[in-house]
Protein backbone atom coordinates (compact mmCIF):
# COMPACT_ATOMS: atom_id res chain seq x y z
CA MET A 1 -12.67 -15.49 -15.28
CA PRO A 2 -9.65 -17.70 -14.49
CA PRO A 3 -7.23 -16.28 -11.91
CA THR A 4 -4.12 -14.40 -12.96
CA ARG A 5 -0.78 -15.55 -11.61
CA ILE A 6 2.05 -13.01 -11.50
CA GLY A 7 5.62 -13.88 -10.60
CA VAL A 8 7.80 -11.68 -8.41
CA THR A 9 11.56 -12.05 -8.04
CA ALA A 10 13.07 -11.50 -4.59
CA ALA A 11 16.43 -12.15 -2.97
CA ALA A 12 14.85 -14.74 -0.67
CA GLY A 13 13.23 -16.51 -3.60
CA ALA A 14 10.53 -15.98 -6.21
CA TYR A 15 6.89 -15.91 -5.16
CA SER A 16 3.49 -15.69 -6.81
CA VAL A 17 0.71 -13.13 -6.67
CA LEU A 18 -2.62 -14.81 -7.40
CA VAL A 19 -5.43 -12.47 -8.49
CA GLY A 20 -8.96 -13.66 -9.09
CA GLU A 21 -12.44 -14.27 -7.78
CA ARG A 22 -12.74 -16.92 -5.06
CA THR A 23 -8.98 -17.44 -4.84
CA ILE A 24 -9.30 -17.42 -1.04
CA ASP A 25 -11.29 -20.64 -1.37
CA THR A 26 -8.22 -22.32 -2.92
CA LEU A 27 -5.76 -20.90 -0.36
CA ALA A 28 -5.07 -24.27 1.29
CA ARG A 29 -4.13 -25.83 -2.04
CA GLU A 30 -1.90 -22.86 -2.91
CA LEU A 31 -0.13 -23.14 0.43
CA ASP A 32 0.35 -26.87 -0.06
CA ASP A 33 1.65 -26.41 -3.60
CA ALA A 34 4.15 -23.83 -2.35
CA ARG A 35 5.13 -26.20 0.47
CA LEU A 36 4.25 -23.63 3.10
CA GLY A 37 3.67 -25.16 6.49
CA PRO A 38 3.19 -27.38 8.33
CA ARG A 39 1.88 -24.89 10.92
CA ARG A 40 -0.10 -21.91 9.72
CA ILE A 41 -1.11 -19.06 12.03
CA ILE A 42 -3.51 -16.37 10.82
CA VAL A 43 -3.16 -12.80 12.07
CA SER A 44 -6.02 -10.43 11.33
CA SER A 45 -8.15 -7.71 12.91
CA PRO A 46 -11.49 -8.27 14.69
CA ARG A 47 -13.35 -6.27 12.05
CA VAL A 48 -11.90 -8.17 9.10
CA TRP A 49 -12.30 -11.53 10.83
CA ASP A 50 -15.97 -10.87 11.54
CA PHE A 51 -16.53 -10.41 7.80
CA HIS A 52 -14.26 -13.04 6.32
CA GLY A 53 -13.20 -15.48 9.01
CA PRO A 54 -15.48 -18.34 7.91
CA ARG A 55 -13.80 -18.42 4.49
CA PHE A 56 -10.50 -19.47 6.07
CA ARG A 57 -11.75 -22.59 7.85
CA LYS A 58 -10.30 -24.80 5.11
CA ALA A 59 -6.92 -23.07 4.94
CA GLY A 60 -5.34 -25.56 7.32
CA ALA A 61 -4.48 -22.82 9.80
CA GLU A 62 -4.63 -22.85 13.60
CA ARG A 63 -8.27 -22.77 14.64
CA THR A 64 -7.92 -19.60 16.74
CA PRO A 65 -6.50 -16.60 14.83
CA VAL A 66 -4.39 -13.88 16.39
CA LEU A 67 -6.46 -10.68 16.29
CA VAL A 68 -4.97 -7.19 16.68
CA GLU A 69 -6.39 -3.75 15.99
CA ASP A 70 -5.74 -2.18 12.61
CA GLY A 71 -5.63 1.45 11.46
CA GLU A 72 -2.56 3.69 11.14
CA ARG A 73 -2.59 4.71 14.81
CA HIS A 74 -2.19 1.04 15.78
CA LYS A 75 0.64 0.49 13.31
CA ASN A 76 3.38 0.63 15.92
CA LEU A 77 5.83 -1.49 17.89
CA THR A 78 3.29 -2.12 20.63
CA THR A 79 1.03 -3.99 18.20
CA VAL A 80 3.99 -5.87 16.73
CA SER A 81 4.90 -6.99 20.25
CA ARG A 82 1.40 -8.40 20.65
CA VAL A 83 1.94 -10.50 17.54
CA HIS A 84 5.34 -11.62 18.87
CA ASP A 85 3.74 -12.56 22.20
CA ALA A 86 1.14 -14.67 20.42
CA LEU A 87 3.78 -16.46 18.34
CA VAL A 88 5.88 -17.21 21.41
CA LYS A 89 2.82 -18.50 23.26
CA ALA A 90 1.94 -20.71 20.28
CA LYS A 91 5.53 -22.04 20.22
CA ALA A 92 5.89 -21.02 16.59
CA ASP A 93 9.18 -22.09 15.03
CA ARG A 94 10.96 -21.44 11.74
CA SER A 95 8.70 -23.85 9.89
CA THR A 96 5.64 -21.84 10.92
CA VAL A 97 3.91 -19.65 8.33
CA VAL A 98 2.12 -16.47 9.34
CA ILE A 99 -0.87 -15.51 7.17
CA ALA A 100 -1.71 -11.80 7.25
CA VAL A 101 -5.41 -11.27 6.53
CA GLY A 102 -6.39 -7.62 6.30
CA GLY A 103 -5.56 -4.26 4.81
CA GLY A 104 -2.25 -2.50 4.40
CA VAL A 105 -1.72 -1.85 8.09
CA ILE A 106 -2.18 -5.50 9.02
CA GLY A 107 0.09 -6.54 6.16
CA ASP A 108 2.85 -4.11 7.11
CA LEU A 109 2.92 -4.84 10.82
CA VAL A 110 2.42 -8.61 10.50
CA GLY A 111 5.15 -8.69 7.84
CA PHE A 112 7.47 -6.87 10.23
CA ALA A 113 6.57 -9.24 13.06
CA ALA A 114 7.38 -12.18 10.78
CA ALA A 115 10.64 -10.55 9.68
CA THR A 116 11.82 -10.11 13.27
CA TYR A 117 10.49 -13.25 14.99
CA LEU A 118 13.30 -15.83 15.16
CA ARG A 119 15.14 -13.52 12.73
CA GLY A 120 12.58 -14.26 10.06
CA ILE A 121 9.77 -16.70 9.36
CA ARG A 122 7.59 -16.99 6.28
CA VAL A 123 4.60 -14.75 5.72
CA VAL A 124 1.68 -14.98 3.30
CA HIS A 125 -0.49 -11.97 2.48
CA VAL A 126 -4.23 -12.13 1.87
CA PRO A 127 -5.09 -8.45 1.37
CA THR A 128 -8.71 -7.48 2.01
CA THR A 129 -8.66 -3.82 0.89
CA LEU A 130 -8.22 -2.49 -2.63
CA LEU A 131 -5.20 -0.46 -1.60
CA ALA A 132 -3.46 -3.50 -0.14
CA GLN A 133 -4.33 -5.64 -3.16
CA VAL A 134 -2.93 -3.20 -5.70
CA ASP A 135 0.07 -2.03 -3.71
CA SER A 136 1.19 -2.76 -0.16
CA ALA A 137 0.90 -6.57 -0.12
CA ILE A 138 3.51 -6.89 -2.87
CA GLY A 139 7.19 -6.10 -2.64
CA GLY A 140 8.26 -7.04 0.87
CA LYS A 141 8.24 -3.64 2.51
CA THR A 142 7.23 -4.15 6.13
CA GLY A 143 7.21 -1.79 9.06
CA VAL A 144 5.45 0.48 11.48
CA ASN A 145 5.07 4.18 12.12
CA HIS A 146 6.95 6.34 14.59
CA ALA A 147 5.28 9.31 16.27
CA LEU A 148 7.47 11.59 14.13
CA GLY A 149 7.13 9.86 10.78
CA LYS A 150 5.46 7.14 8.73
CA ASN A 151 7.11 3.75 8.20
CA LEU A 152 10.36 4.84 9.84
CA ILE A 153 10.84 1.44 11.51
CA GLY A 154 10.81 -1.66 9.35
CA SER A 155 12.60 -4.09 7.09
CA PHE A 156 12.43 -5.73 3.69
CA HIS A 157 10.87 -9.20 4.08
CA ALA A 158 9.33 -10.66 0.95
CA PRO A 159 6.18 -12.76 1.28
CA SER A 160 6.06 -16.36 0.12
CA LEU A 161 2.65 -15.91 -1.51
CA VAL A 162 0.06 -13.18 -2.09
CA VAL A 163 -3.60 -14.02 -2.74
CA ALA A 164 -5.77 -11.11 -3.92
CA ASP A 165 -9.45 -11.96 -4.12
CA PRO A 166 -11.65 -9.08 -5.41
CA THR A 167 -14.79 -10.63 -3.88
CA VAL A 168 -13.69 -9.56 -0.39
CA LEU A 169 -13.93 -5.93 -1.50
CA ASP A 170 -17.74 -6.10 -1.42
CA THR A 171 -17.68 -5.47 2.33
CA LEU A 172 -15.43 -2.40 2.15
CA PRO A 173 -16.95 0.97 3.03
CA ARG A 174 -17.01 3.25 -0.01
CA ARG A 175 -14.36 5.52 1.48
CA GLU A 176 -11.95 2.61 2.04
CA PHE A 177 -12.57 1.33 -1.47
CA ARG A 178 -12.07 4.79 -2.95
CA ALA A 179 -8.75 5.11 -1.08
CA GLY A 180 -7.36 2.23 -3.12
CA LEU A 181 -8.26 3.90 -6.40
CA TYR A 182 -5.79 6.72 -5.73
CA GLU A 183 -2.98 4.17 -5.87
CA VAL A 184 -4.37 2.85 -9.17
CA ILE A 185 -4.26 6.42 -10.51
CA LYS A 186 -0.67 6.61 -9.31
CA TYR A 187 0.25 3.60 -11.44
CA GLY A 188 -1.45 5.24 -14.40
CA VAL A 189 0.59 8.41 -13.98
CA ILE A 190 3.97 6.78 -13.45
CA THR A 191 3.93 3.94 -15.94
CA GLU A 192 0.63 2.85 -17.55
CA PRO A 193 -1.65 5.66 -18.85
CA ALA A 194 -4.27 3.13 -19.95
CA LEU A 195 -5.19 2.75 -16.29
CA LEU A 196 -6.22 6.41 -16.17
CA ASP A 197 -8.48 5.85 -19.16
CA ARG A 198 -9.90 2.64 -17.69
CA VAL A 199 -10.76 4.28 -14.36
CA ARG A 200 -12.44 7.21 -16.09
CA SER A 201 -14.47 5.09 -18.51
CA THR A 202 -15.61 2.39 -16.06
CA LEU A 203 -15.96 4.33 -12.80
CA PRO A 204 -19.67 3.46 -12.22
CA ALA A 205 -18.94 -0.26 -12.63
CA ILE A 206 -15.85 0.05 -10.44
CA PHE A 207 -17.82 1.66 -7.62
CA ALA A 208 -20.47 -1.04 -8.05
CA ARG A 209 -17.63 -3.51 -7.26
CA ASP A 210 -18.28 -5.34 -10.53
CA PRO A 211 -15.50 -7.98 -10.68
CA VAL A 212 -15.28 -7.55 -14.46
CA ALA A 213 -14.26 -3.93 -13.86
CA VAL A 214 -12.26 -4.33 -10.65
CA ALA A 215 -10.21 -7.48 -11.27
CA PRO A 216 -8.34 -6.02 -14.29
CA LEU A 217 -7.38 -2.96 -12.20
CA VAL A 218 -5.96 -5.19 -9.50
CA ALA A 219 -4.13 -7.45 -11.95
CA ALA A 220 -2.65 -4.55 -13.93
CA SER A 221 -1.49 -2.79 -10.77
CA CYS A 222 0.04 -6.02 -9.44
CA ARG A 223 1.92 -6.56 -12.69
CA ILE A 224 3.39 -3.07 -12.51
CA LYS A 225 4.38 -3.43 -8.86
CA ALA A 226 5.82 -6.89 -9.50
CA HIS A 227 7.94 -5.64 -12.41
CA VAL A 228 9.30 -2.71 -10.42
CA VAL A 229 10.14 -4.56 -7.21
CA SER A 230 11.63 -7.50 -9.10
CA ALA A 231 14.06 -5.07 -10.74
CA ASP A 232 14.78 -3.07 -7.58
CA GLU A 233 13.74 -4.87 -4.41
CA ARG A 234 15.43 -2.51 -1.95
CA GLU A 235 14.59 0.83 -3.53
CA SER A 236 18.01 1.89 -4.75
CA GLY A 237 16.73 3.20 -8.08
CA LEU A 238 13.67 2.24 -10.15
CA ARG A 239 11.47 1.44 -7.13
CA ARG A 240 11.53 5.11 -6.14
CA ILE A 241 8.91 5.81 -8.82
CA LEU A 242 6.39 4.06 -6.55
CA ASN A 243 6.85 6.96 -4.12
CA PHE A 244 5.09 9.35 -6.48
CA GLY A 245 2.70 11.34 -4.29
CA HIS A 246 4.07 9.85 -1.08
CA THR A 247 6.37 12.65 0.05
CA VAL A 248 3.59 15.11 0.85
CA GLY A 249 1.13 12.27 1.47
CA HIS A 250 3.17 10.77 4.30
CA ALA A 251 3.72 14.22 5.76
CA LEU A 252 -0.02 14.86 5.94
CA GLU A 253 -0.52 11.54 7.71
CA ALA A 254 2.21 12.27 10.24
CA ALA A 255 1.04 15.86 10.85
CA THR A 256 -2.43 14.56 11.78
CA ASN A 257 -1.15 11.69 13.95
CA TYR A 258 -2.42 9.10 11.45
CA LYS A 259 -6.02 9.74 12.50
CA ARG A 260 -7.53 11.74 9.64
CA PHE A 261 -6.50 10.22 6.33
CA ARG A 262 -6.74 6.86 4.71
CA HIS A 263 -3.34 6.31 3.13
CA GLY A 264 -4.74 6.57 -0.40
CA GLU A 265 -6.42 9.89 0.42
CA ALA A 266 -3.11 11.35 1.58
CA VAL A 267 -1.47 10.06 -1.60
CA GLY A 268 -4.23 11.80 -3.58
CA TYR A 269 -3.15 15.12 -2.10
CA GLY A 270 0.48 14.12 -2.53
CA MET A 271 0.05 13.45 -6.24
CA LEU A 272 -1.54 16.87 -6.75
CA ALA A 273 1.39 18.43 -4.88
CA ALA A 274 3.95 16.55 -6.98
CA LEU A 275 2.19 17.45 -10.21
CA SER A 276 1.94 21.08 -9.16
CA ILE A 277 5.66 21.29 -8.42
CA GLY A 278 6.36 19.60 -11.75
CA VAL A 279 4.21 22.12 -13.61
CA ALA A 280 5.94 25.00 -11.86
CA ARG A 281 9.31 23.48 -12.77
CA GLY A 282 8.27 23.03 -16.40
CA VAL A 283 8.76 19.26 -16.32
CA THR A 284 5.08 18.27 -16.01
CA PRO A 285 2.43 19.18 -18.61
CA ALA A 286 -0.37 21.26 -17.11
CA SER A 287 -2.80 18.98 -18.95
CA LEU A 288 -1.67 16.03 -16.82
CA TYR A 289 -2.29 17.98 -13.62
CA ASP A 290 -5.78 18.87 -14.88
CA GLU A 291 -6.50 15.26 -15.83
CA VAL A 292 -5.49 13.85 -12.44
CA LEU A 293 -7.31 16.61 -10.57
CA ASP A 294 -10.46 15.82 -12.53
CA LEU A 295 -10.16 12.08 -11.76
CA ILE A 296 -9.55 12.68 -8.06
CA THR A 297 -12.49 15.09 -7.92
CA HIS A 298 -14.78 12.50 -9.52
CA LEU A 299 -13.78 9.86 -6.97
CA GLY A 300 -15.23 11.92 -4.15
CA PRO A 301 -14.22 14.44 -1.49
CA LEU A 302 -10.84 14.32 0.22
CA PRO A 303 -10.60 15.12 3.95
CA PRO A 304 -10.03 18.83 4.78
CA VAL A 305 -6.51 20.18 5.25
CA SER A 306 -7.14 23.84 6.10
CA ASP A 307 -6.29 23.33 9.79
CA ILE A 308 -3.00 21.52 9.13
CA SER A 309 0.17 23.53 9.63
CA SER A 310 2.51 23.77 6.65
CA LYS A 311 5.36 24.02 9.14
CA GLU A 312 4.46 20.67 10.69
CA ALA A 313 4.11 19.05 7.27
CA LEU A 314 7.51 20.40 6.19
CA ALA A 315 9.09 19.09 9.36
CA ALA A 316 7.64 15.64 8.65
CA ILE A 317 9.03 15.74 5.09
CA GLY A 318 12.48 16.45 6.56
CA ARG A 319 12.25 13.20 8.52
CA ASP A 320 10.93 11.17 5.60
CA LYS A 321 12.73 7.93 4.77
CA LYS A 322 13.11 9.16 1.17
CA VAL A 323 15.71 11.65 2.43
CA VAL A 324 19.09 10.06 1.69
CA ALA A 325 22.32 11.74 2.86
CA GLY A 326 20.38 14.92 3.42
CA THR A 327 18.86 14.88 -0.07
CA LEU A 328 15.12 14.48 -0.67
CA HIS A 329 14.35 12.29 -3.68
CA PHE A 330 11.13 13.78 -5.05
CA VAL A 331 9.34 11.93 -7.86
CA ALA A 332 7.76 14.14 -10.54
CA ALA A 333 5.86 13.20 -13.69
CA THR A 334 7.25 14.26 -17.06
CA LYS A 335 4.24 13.04 -19.06
CA ARG A 336 1.60 10.32 -18.88
CA GLY A 337 3.45 7.15 -17.92
CA GLU A 338 6.89 8.65 -17.30
CA THR A 339 8.65 10.20 -14.31
CA THR A 340 11.86 11.81 -13.20
CA THR A 341 13.46 12.23 -9.78
CA LEU A 342 14.21 15.72 -8.54
CA THR A 343 16.91 16.14 -5.89
CA ASP A 344 16.81 19.91 -5.51
CA VAL A 345 13.21 20.65 -4.49
CA SER A 346 13.37 23.46 -1.98
CA ALA A 347 11.40 24.05 1.19
CA LYS A 348 10.04 27.19 -0.44
CA GLU A 349 8.62 25.19 -3.37
CA ILE A 350 7.00 22.69 -1.03
CA ARG A 351 5.63 25.46 1.18
CA THR A 352 4.08 27.08 -1.88
CA VAL A 353 2.38 23.88 -3.00
CA LEU A 354 1.12 23.14 0.52
CA LYS A 355 -0.52 26.55 0.51
CA GLN A 356 -2.12 25.72 -2.86
CA LEU A 357 -3.53 22.53 -1.34
CA GLY A 358 -5.11 24.62 1.38
CA LEU A 359 -2.83 24.12 4.38
CA ARG A 360 -2.39 27.04 6.74
CA ALA A 361 0.93 28.84 7.08
């Protein structure tokens, strides 16, 4: 199938998201067409580079990539400093382009390094996980975690190009691949119910990594994300819908020191929490909760939460970046494809739903 090109509007200038099989093999041409260069430095992780490094030999980048560890526990200022050190050593200037090759963690921290080096140089994202392809590589959110909360340190720094190639997903462990599907379900709940139907009806082919089944999921998710962030780049309104499931999800990640959950897994729990609160409030149909629970159950088991303290999770929610002027903006679903934002969700309501998820008091 021919690649899909999706346009994204950003304050720094419009950019393209290219989705399709073997698009990595045309990366050099895409960079040339976008006039990105002349120096190109790749930043990746050792694990990703072992799998995919040979495919980037024709990208016109520096021969030796900068390799840093990935994973949420490495998504911190220390790792960003290592990227800065490498850029200084390479004498990178404002004409240099940084190419982030990896999952969401690599994309976030490399994007932040690019945003802060010389007060901002260009960055290109080549996401190699499903979650990064459908979500984190698009929109310009960059940043790192703090010990007390997820993504508390960062900036908005839009990429100059995103290249999402579904063929790289063949090397993903099943758990990592599954983690990305939770974000696809999120898009189905908040804006495009057809995605819920597509996941349910084609799940065997999706898990088989059949490009005919996977590529449309990536393209549809990218279109949704592109539309939302083009309308609200800095999350002052519409973009908040993308936080559906993230309030409790981020809290679970922080409460376990970013060591237990893949981000998508935490969002899976977070979506169930948000739907449960919505049902209790009378704004979410119980049938939607049942539908999402059934989909999540069919994807496979989520990590256990019975040893996590509700008190610690609540404390993490209080530090969440979605708290504005002391008010938590909590996204709830009103029906398939539509949401509302609640600004009066109480600690008691959250404590109740955390108990329903299985957290200890």
